[in-house]
Amino acid sequence: MIVRRERPADHDAVRALHLAAFAPSDAEARLTDELREDAGFLPHLSLVAVEDGAVIGHVIATRGWLEPYGTPVLGLGPLGVLPGRQRSGVGTALVHALLAVAEAADERLVALLGSPDYYRRFGFVPAAERGITAPDPAWGEHFQVRHVNGPPVEGAFRYADPFTRL
């Protein structure tokens, strides 16, 4: 398996992957398409896992902000893996690669909405423990953050605009 940047030629395979991974919902596939067109899109933070020439996993992080000062941070998601390859380390490899790219790019913080049991292994903690407010308070411990570089930051997290249309 190779993890690399997503290329335009991968878009159809990535869309099909998210449709399969999150069936019957198409929300993650639509969100990924919209994120690529948004001002918050960061091409170096859209990664694919490829095996035998086929895309088997995808992760994306886009520009988010902490208010009230507009501190730039990242919002991770979606993360998708083909159903037949789930629980085989593909998602883990993608998240580790994305965090390494984020660190190399001097990003401050990564936030996400997901399973605490899954993301804890990558150093994510409930956002409230770090002074970060979720866009929706009902998300509770599922809204998590990982500090990456620089001094700690606090504030109200805001995702890239396509997330608000979900």
Protein backbone atom coordinates (compact mmCIF):
# COMPACT_ATOMS: atom_id res chain seq x y z
CA MET A 1 0.00 0.00 0.00
CA ILE A 2 1.19 3.50 -0.89
CA VAL A 3 -0.17 6.71 0.67
CA ARG A 4 0.16 9.76 -1.57
CA ARG A 5 -1.52 13.04 -2.46
CA GLU A 6 -4.84 12.76 -4.20
CA ARG A 7 -4.71 13.64 -7.91
CA PRO A 8 -7.55 14.86 -10.13
CA ALA A 9 -7.55 11.46 -11.84
CA ASP A 10 -8.45 9.91 -8.43
CA HIS A 11 -11.65 11.94 -7.92
CA ASP A 12 -14.06 9.36 -9.39
CA ALA A 13 -12.47 6.51 -7.41
CA VAL A 14 -12.54 8.58 -4.21
CA ARG A 15 -16.21 9.40 -4.76
CA ALA A 16 -17.04 5.72 -5.33
CA LEU A 17 -15.03 4.79 -2.23
CA HIS A 18 -16.96 7.20 0.01
CA LEU A 19 -20.27 6.03 -1.48
CA ALA A 20 -19.34 2.42 -0.64
CA ALA A 21 -17.83 3.18 2.78
CA PHE A 22 -20.80 5.23 4.01
CA ALA A 23 -23.68 3.54 2.17
CA PRO A 24 -26.52 4.25 1.98
CA SER A 25 -25.60 7.89 2.68
CA ASP A 26 -23.96 9.97 -0.04
CA ALA A 27 -23.17 12.87 2.35
CA GLU A 28 -19.43 12.14 2.66
CA ALA A 29 -19.00 11.77 -1.12
CA ARG A 30 -20.83 15.08 -1.73
CA LEU A 31 -18.87 16.76 1.07
CA THR A 32 -15.54 15.65 -0.40
CA ASP A 33 -16.51 16.98 -3.83
CA GLU A 34 -17.57 20.32 -2.32
CA LEU A 35 -14.45 20.61 -0.15
CA ARG A 36 -12.23 20.36 -3.25
CA GLU A 37 -14.01 23.43 -4.64
CA ASP A 38 -13.88 25.44 -1.40
CA ALA A 39 -11.37 28.15 -0.52
CA GLY A 40 -10.43 26.01 2.51
CA PHE A 41 -9.15 23.15 0.31
CA LEU A 42 -5.51 22.30 0.93
CA PRO A 43 -4.35 19.88 -1.82
CA HIS A 44 -1.40 18.61 0.22
CA LEU A 45 -3.87 17.41 2.87
CA SER A 46 -6.03 15.24 0.62
CA LEU A 47 -4.42 11.81 0.65
CA VAL A 48 -5.23 8.44 -0.88
CA ALA A 49 -4.13 4.92 -0.05
CA VAL A 50 -3.44 2.96 -3.23
CA GLU A 51 -2.87 -0.76 -3.63
CA ASP A 52 -2.30 -2.52 -6.95
CA GLY A 53 -3.26 0.71 -8.73
CA ALA A 54 -6.64 1.00 -6.98
CA VAL A 55 -7.68 3.66 -4.47
CA ILE A 56 -8.66 1.84 -1.26
CA GLY A 57 -8.78 4.76 1.19
CA HIS A 58 -8.99 8.55 1.38
CA VAL A 59 -8.63 11.24 4.02
CA ILE A 60 -8.90 15.00 3.75
CA ALA A 61 -8.25 17.92 6.07
CA THR A 62 -9.36 21.41 5.16
CA ARG A 63 -8.88 24.86 6.61
CA GLY A 64 -10.86 25.52 9.74
CA TRP A 65 -10.68 28.44 12.18
CA LEU A 66 -10.83 29.17 15.87
CA GLU A 67 -12.92 32.20 16.70
CA PRO A 68 -12.94 34.95 17.81
CA TYR A 69 -9.52 35.67 16.30
CA GLY A 70 -9.69 33.58 13.13
CA THR A 71 -6.74 31.38 14.12
CA PRO A 72 -6.17 28.94 11.22
CA VAL A 73 -6.42 25.25 12.14
CA LEU A 74 -7.51 22.07 10.35
CA GLY A 75 -10.73 20.09 10.21
CA LEU A 76 -10.20 16.40 9.41
CA GLY A 77 -12.81 14.49 7.48
CA PRO A 78 -14.11 12.57 5.87
CA LEU A 79 -11.90 9.51 6.29
CA GLY A 80 -13.11 6.57 4.21
CA VAL A 81 -11.85 3.06 3.43
CA LEU A 82 -13.38 0.54 1.04
CA PRO A 83 -15.59 -1.85 3.04
CA GLY A 84 -13.47 -4.90 2.15
CA ARG A 85 -10.34 -3.17 3.47
CA GLN A 86 -11.72 -1.71 6.69
CA ARG A 87 -10.00 -2.84 9.91
CA SER A 88 -6.82 -3.68 8.00
CA GLY A 89 -4.72 -0.61 8.87
CA VAL A 90 -5.58 1.55 5.85
CA GLY A 91 -7.35 4.23 7.88
CA THR A 92 -4.58 4.21 10.48
CA ALA A 93 -1.93 4.73 7.78
CA LEU A 94 -3.93 7.59 6.26
CA VAL A 95 -4.40 9.42 9.58
CA HIS A 96 -0.73 9.02 10.52
CA ALA A 97 0.30 10.36 7.09
CA LEU A 98 -2.10 13.29 7.31
CA LEU A 99 -0.84 14.24 10.78
CA ALA A 100 2.77 14.05 9.54
CA VAL A 101 1.96 16.38 6.62
CA ALA A 102 0.10 18.75 8.98
CA GLU A 103 3.11 18.84 11.31
CA ALA A 104 5.54 19.44 8.42
CA ALA A 105 3.28 22.27 7.19
CA ASP A 106 3.41 23.92 10.64
CA GLU A 107 -0.32 23.55 11.29
CA ARG A 108 -1.33 24.25 14.88
CA LEU A 109 -4.25 21.93 15.56
CA VAL A 110 -6.43 19.27 13.93
CA ALA A 111 -10.10 18.89 14.92
CA LEU A 112 -12.58 16.18 13.97
CA LEU A 113 -15.91 14.59 14.75
CA GLY A 114 -15.49 10.86 15.27
CA SER A 115 -15.17 7.88 17.56
CA PRO A 116 -13.08 8.61 20.66
CA ASP A 117 -12.08 4.93 20.80
CA TYR A 118 -10.65 5.11 17.27
CA TYR A 119 -8.97 8.52 17.31
CA ARG A 120 -7.48 8.33 20.82
CA ARG A 121 -4.60 6.23 19.41
CA PHE A 122 -3.51 9.23 17.33
CA GLY A 123 -3.39 11.58 20.32
CA PHE A 124 -6.85 13.13 19.91
CA VAL A 125 -8.67 14.21 23.08
CA PRO A 126 -12.12 15.69 23.69
CA ALA A 127 -11.94 19.27 22.42
CA ALA A 128 -13.44 20.72 25.60
CA GLU A 129 -10.36 19.47 27.51
CA ARG A 130 -8.24 21.82 25.38
CA GLY A 131 -10.53 24.85 25.49
CA ILE A 132 -11.99 24.25 22.02
CA THR A 133 -15.75 24.63 21.58
CA ALA A 134 -17.53 22.35 19.10
CA PRO A 135 -19.76 23.81 16.38
CA ASP A 136 -22.57 21.75 17.96
CA PRO A 137 -22.44 21.20 21.74
CA ALA A 138 -24.38 17.93 21.32
CA TRP A 139 -21.26 16.36 19.78
CA GLY A 140 -19.73 16.12 23.26
CA GLU A 141 -16.68 13.84 23.50
CA HIS A 142 -16.99 12.92 19.81
CA PHE A 143 -15.63 16.34 18.84
CA GLN A 144 -11.89 15.95 19.36
CA VAL A 145 -8.65 17.82 18.77
CA ARG A 146 -4.95 17.11 18.52
CA HIS A 147 -2.38 19.82 19.08
CA VAL A 148 0.27 19.67 16.35
CA ASN A 149 2.65 22.66 16.58
CA GLY A 150 3.23 25.88 18.48
CA PRO A 151 1.66 27.08 21.68
CA PRO A 152 -1.79 25.75 22.62
CA VAL A 153 -4.77 27.58 21.14
CA GLU A 154 -8.36 27.94 22.31
CA GLY A 155 -11.63 29.13 20.86
CA ALA A 156 -14.79 28.14 19.03
CA PHE A 157 -14.04 25.83 16.09
CA ARG A 158 -15.46 26.56 12.66
CA TYR A 159 -15.20 24.08 9.76
CA ALA A 160 -14.80 25.02 6.09
CA ASP A 161 -18.12 26.22 4.63
CA PRO A 162 -19.21 22.93 2.94
CA PHE A 163 -19.56 21.32 6.38
CA THR A 164 -22.31 23.81 7.25
CA ARG A 165 -24.40 22.49 4.34
CA LEU A 166 -24.46 18.87 5.53
